[in-house]
Amino acid sequence: MRREKIKVRGEFIKLQDALKYSGLCMTGGHAKTAVQNGEVKVNGEICAMRGKKLRTGDVAEFDGREIEIILV
C-alpha cells in the first residue's frame, strides 16, 4: 500500500478535510459519504467520525491509499 505524507498547518485537521486536501476524495461530499459508509480507516481502525481530529503521526486509509499527517 502506498503512503503519502501531507503537511498541514495548525494543531489538527479534520478527517473529512484531510481526505479532500490529500486528493484521496475529490470533493467534500465524496469524503463525507466514504466516512459515513465505513470505508475509511484511521490508525488501522474504521472511523465513522468525519470530524475526527487528526494530528501528527495519524494515518488515514481509503481506497488502497494511505496518508500520514504531519503538522507544521
N, C-alpha and C. Protein backbone atom coordinates (compact mmCIF):
# COMPACT_ATOMS: atom_id res chain seq x y z
N MET A 1 0.85 -1.18 0.00
CA MET A 1 0.00 0.00 0.00
C MET A 1 0.89 1.24 0.00
N ARG A 2 0.51 2.19 -0.77
CA ARG A 2 1.29 3.41 -0.92
C ARG A 2 0.90 4.43 0.15
N ARG A 3 1.90 5.01 0.83
CA ARG A 3 1.63 6.02 1.87
C ARG A 3 2.25 7.35 1.47
N GLU A 4 1.44 8.38 1.54
CA GLU A 4 1.91 9.73 1.26
C GLU A 4 1.91 10.52 2.56
N LYS A 5 2.85 11.41 2.71
CA LYS A 5 2.87 12.30 3.86
C LYS A 5 2.34 13.65 3.42
N ILE A 6 1.40 14.18 4.19
CA ILE A 6 0.88 15.50 3.86
C ILE A 6 1.16 16.45 5.01
N LYS A 7 1.65 17.62 4.67
CA LYS A 7 1.97 18.63 5.67
C LYS A 7 0.82 19.61 5.76
N VAL A 8 0.40 19.88 6.99
CA VAL A 8 -0.75 20.75 7.23
C VAL A 8 -0.38 21.73 8.34
N ARG A 9 -0.77 22.96 8.17
CA ARG A 9 -0.54 23.97 9.22
C ARG A 9 -1.66 23.90 10.24
N GLY A 10 -1.30 24.09 11.50
CA GLY A 10 -2.29 24.15 12.56
C GLY A 10 -2.09 23.05 13.58
N GLU A 11 -3.04 22.96 14.50
CA GLU A 11 -2.97 21.98 15.58
C GLU A 11 -3.53 20.63 15.17
N PHE A 12 -4.45 20.63 14.20
CA PHE A 12 -5.08 19.39 13.74
C PHE A 12 -5.75 19.65 12.40
N ILE A 13 -6.18 18.58 11.75
CA ILE A 13 -7.01 18.68 10.56
C ILE A 13 -8.12 17.64 10.71
N LYS A 14 -9.33 18.00 10.35
CA LYS A 14 -10.44 17.06 10.44
C LYS A 14 -10.31 16.01 9.35
N LEU A 15 -10.75 14.80 9.67
CA LEU A 15 -10.63 13.67 8.75
C LEU A 15 -11.20 14.00 7.37
N GLN A 16 -12.40 14.50 7.32
CA GLN A 16 -13.05 14.82 6.05
C GLN A 16 -12.20 15.80 5.24
N ASP A 17 -11.65 16.81 5.92
CA ASP A 17 -10.82 17.80 5.24
C ASP A 17 -9.50 17.19 4.75
N ALA A 18 -8.93 16.28 5.54
CA ALA A 18 -7.68 15.63 5.15
C ALA A 18 -7.88 14.77 3.90
N LEU A 19 -9.00 14.09 3.83
CA LEU A 19 -9.28 13.26 2.66
C LEU A 19 -9.38 14.10 1.40
N LYS A 20 -10.04 15.24 1.52
CA LYS A 20 -10.19 16.14 0.37
C LYS A 20 -8.87 16.82 0.03
N TYR A 21 -8.17 17.34 1.03
CA TYR A 21 -6.91 18.06 0.83
C TYR A 21 -5.85 17.17 0.17
N SER A 22 -5.81 15.91 0.58
CA SER A 22 -4.80 14.99 0.07
C SER A 22 -5.12 14.45 -1.32
N GLY A 23 -6.37 14.60 -1.73
CA GLY A 23 -6.77 14.09 -3.04
C GLY A 23 -7.30 12.67 -3.00
N LEU A 24 -7.40 12.07 -1.80
CA LEU A 24 -7.98 10.74 -1.70
C LEU A 24 -9.45 10.77 -2.10
N CYS A 25 -10.12 11.88 -1.82
CA CYS A 25 -11.51 12.11 -2.24
C CYS A 25 -11.53 13.40 -3.06
N MET A 26 -12.31 13.40 -4.11
CA MET A 26 -12.33 14.56 -4.99
C MET A 26 -13.12 15.75 -4.43
N THR A 27 -14.15 15.46 -3.63
CA THR A 27 -14.98 16.53 -3.08
C THR A 27 -15.25 16.27 -1.61
N GLY A 28 -15.72 17.29 -0.93
CA GLY A 28 -16.11 17.12 0.46
C GLY A 28 -17.28 16.15 0.60
N GLY A 29 -18.18 16.16 -0.36
CA GLY A 29 -19.31 15.24 -0.34
C GLY A 29 -18.87 13.79 -0.49
N HIS A 30 -17.89 13.57 -1.35
CA HIS A 30 -17.35 12.22 -1.52
C HIS A 30 -16.69 11.76 -0.22
N ALA A 31 -15.94 12.65 0.42
CA ALA A 31 -15.28 12.32 1.70
C ALA A 31 -16.32 12.00 2.77
N LYS A 32 -17.37 12.80 2.84
CA LYS A 32 -18.43 12.59 3.83
C LYS A 32 -19.07 11.22 3.64
N THR A 33 -19.40 10.89 2.41
CA THR A 33 -20.03 9.60 2.11
C THR A 33 -19.11 8.44 2.44
N ALA A 34 -17.84 8.56 2.06
CA ALA A 34 -16.88 7.48 2.32
C ALA A 34 -16.74 7.21 3.81
N VAL A 35 -16.66 8.27 4.61
CA VAL A 35 -16.53 8.11 6.06
C VAL A 35 -17.80 7.50 6.64
N GLN A 36 -18.95 8.03 6.26
CA GLN A 36 -20.22 7.53 6.80
C GLN A 36 -20.48 6.08 6.41
N ASN A 37 -19.95 5.64 5.27
CA ASN A 37 -20.15 4.26 4.83
C ASN A 37 -19.13 3.30 5.43
N GLY A 38 -18.25 3.79 6.30
CA GLY A 38 -17.27 2.93 6.94
C GLY A 38 -16.14 2.49 6.03
N GLU A 39 -15.84 3.27 5.01
CA GLU A 39 -14.80 2.92 4.05
C GLU A 39 -13.43 3.49 4.41
N VAL A 40 -13.35 4.26 5.48
CA VAL A 40 -12.12 4.95 5.85
C VAL A 40 -11.60 4.41 7.18
N LYS A 41 -10.30 4.19 7.24
CA LYS A 41 -9.66 3.77 8.48
C LYS A 41 -8.73 4.86 8.96
N VAL A 42 -8.66 5.01 10.28
CA VAL A 42 -7.70 5.91 10.90
C VAL A 42 -6.89 5.08 11.87
N ASN A 43 -5.59 5.08 11.68
CA ASN A 43 -4.68 4.29 12.50
C ASN A 43 -5.10 2.82 12.58
N GLY A 44 -5.55 2.29 11.43
CA GLY A 44 -5.87 0.88 11.32
C GLY A 44 -7.27 0.47 11.72
N GLU A 45 -8.09 1.41 12.19
CA GLU A 45 -9.46 1.10 12.62
C GLU A 45 -10.46 1.92 11.82
N ILE A 46 -11.59 1.31 11.47
CA ILE A 46 -12.64 2.02 10.74
C ILE A 46 -13.10 3.20 11.58
N CYS A 47 -13.22 4.34 10.94
CA CYS A 47 -13.64 5.56 11.63
C CYS A 47 -14.84 6.15 10.91
N ALA A 48 -15.94 6.34 11.62
CA ALA A 48 -17.15 6.90 11.03
C ALA A 48 -17.38 8.35 11.46
N MET A 49 -16.36 8.96 12.07
CA MET A 49 -16.48 10.36 12.51
C MET A 49 -15.73 11.26 11.52
N ARG A 50 -16.46 11.91 10.64
CA ARG A 50 -15.79 12.73 9.63
C ARG A 50 -15.12 13.96 10.24
N GLY A 51 -15.53 14.35 11.44
CA GLY A 51 -14.91 15.49 12.12
C GLY A 51 -13.77 15.09 13.03
N LYS A 52 -13.34 13.83 12.98
CA LYS A 52 -12.25 13.35 13.84
C LYS A 52 -11.02 14.21 13.59
N LYS A 53 -10.40 14.63 14.67
CA LYS A 53 -9.21 15.47 14.57
C LYS A 53 -7.98 14.60 14.39
N LEU A 54 -7.27 14.82 13.30
CA LEU A 54 -6.04 14.10 13.02
C LEU A 54 -4.86 14.98 13.39
N ARG A 55 -3.87 14.36 14.01
CA ARG A 55 -2.68 15.08 14.44
C ARG A 55 -1.44 14.40 13.86
N THR A 56 -0.28 14.98 14.08
CA THR A 56 0.97 14.43 13.56
C THR A 56 1.09 12.94 13.88
N GLY A 57 1.41 12.16 12.85
CA GLY A 57 1.61 10.73 13.01
C GLY A 57 0.37 9.89 12.74
N ASP A 58 -0.81 10.51 12.72
CA ASP A 58 -2.03 9.76 12.41
C ASP A 58 -2.01 9.35 10.94
N VAL A 59 -2.54 8.16 10.66
CA VAL A 59 -2.58 7.64 9.30
C VAL A 59 -4.03 7.35 8.92
N ALA A 60 -4.47 7.91 7.81
CA ALA A 60 -5.81 7.65 7.28
C ALA A 60 -5.66 6.80 6.03
N GLU A 61 -6.59 5.87 5.86
CA GLU A 61 -6.54 4.94 4.72
C GLU A 61 -7.89 4.92 4.02
N PHE A 62 -7.83 5.01 2.68
CA PHE A 62 -9.04 4.94 1.87
C PHE A 62 -8.68 4.48 0.47
N ASP A 63 -9.44 3.55 -0.05
CA ASP A 63 -9.32 3.11 -1.44
C ASP A 63 -7.90 2.65 -1.80
N GLY A 64 -7.26 1.92 -0.88
CA GLY A 64 -5.93 1.37 -1.15
C GLY A 64 -4.79 2.36 -1.03
N ARG A 65 -5.06 3.55 -0.52
CA ARG A 65 -4.03 4.56 -0.33
C ARG A 65 -4.02 5.01 1.12
N GLU A 66 -2.86 5.43 1.58
CA GLU A 66 -2.71 5.93 2.95
C GLU A 66 -2.10 7.31 2.92
N ILE A 67 -2.51 8.12 3.90
CA ILE A 67 -1.86 9.42 4.11
C ILE A 67 -1.44 9.50 5.56
N GLU A 68 -0.26 10.04 5.78
CA GLU A 68 0.23 10.28 7.13
C GLU A 68 0.26 11.78 7.36
N ILE A 69 -0.29 12.20 8.46
CA ILE A 69 -0.41 13.63 8.76
C ILE A 69 0.86 14.14 9.43
N ILE A 70 1.35 15.27 8.94
CA ILE A 70 2.48 15.96 9.56
C ILE A 70 2.04 17.41 9.74
N LEU A 71 1.92 17.85 10.97
CA LEU A 71 1.51 19.23 11.25
C LEU A 71 2.75 20.10 11.38
N VAL A 72 2.69 21.27 10.78
CA VAL A 72 3.81 22.20 10.81
C VAL A 72 3.38 23.53 11.40
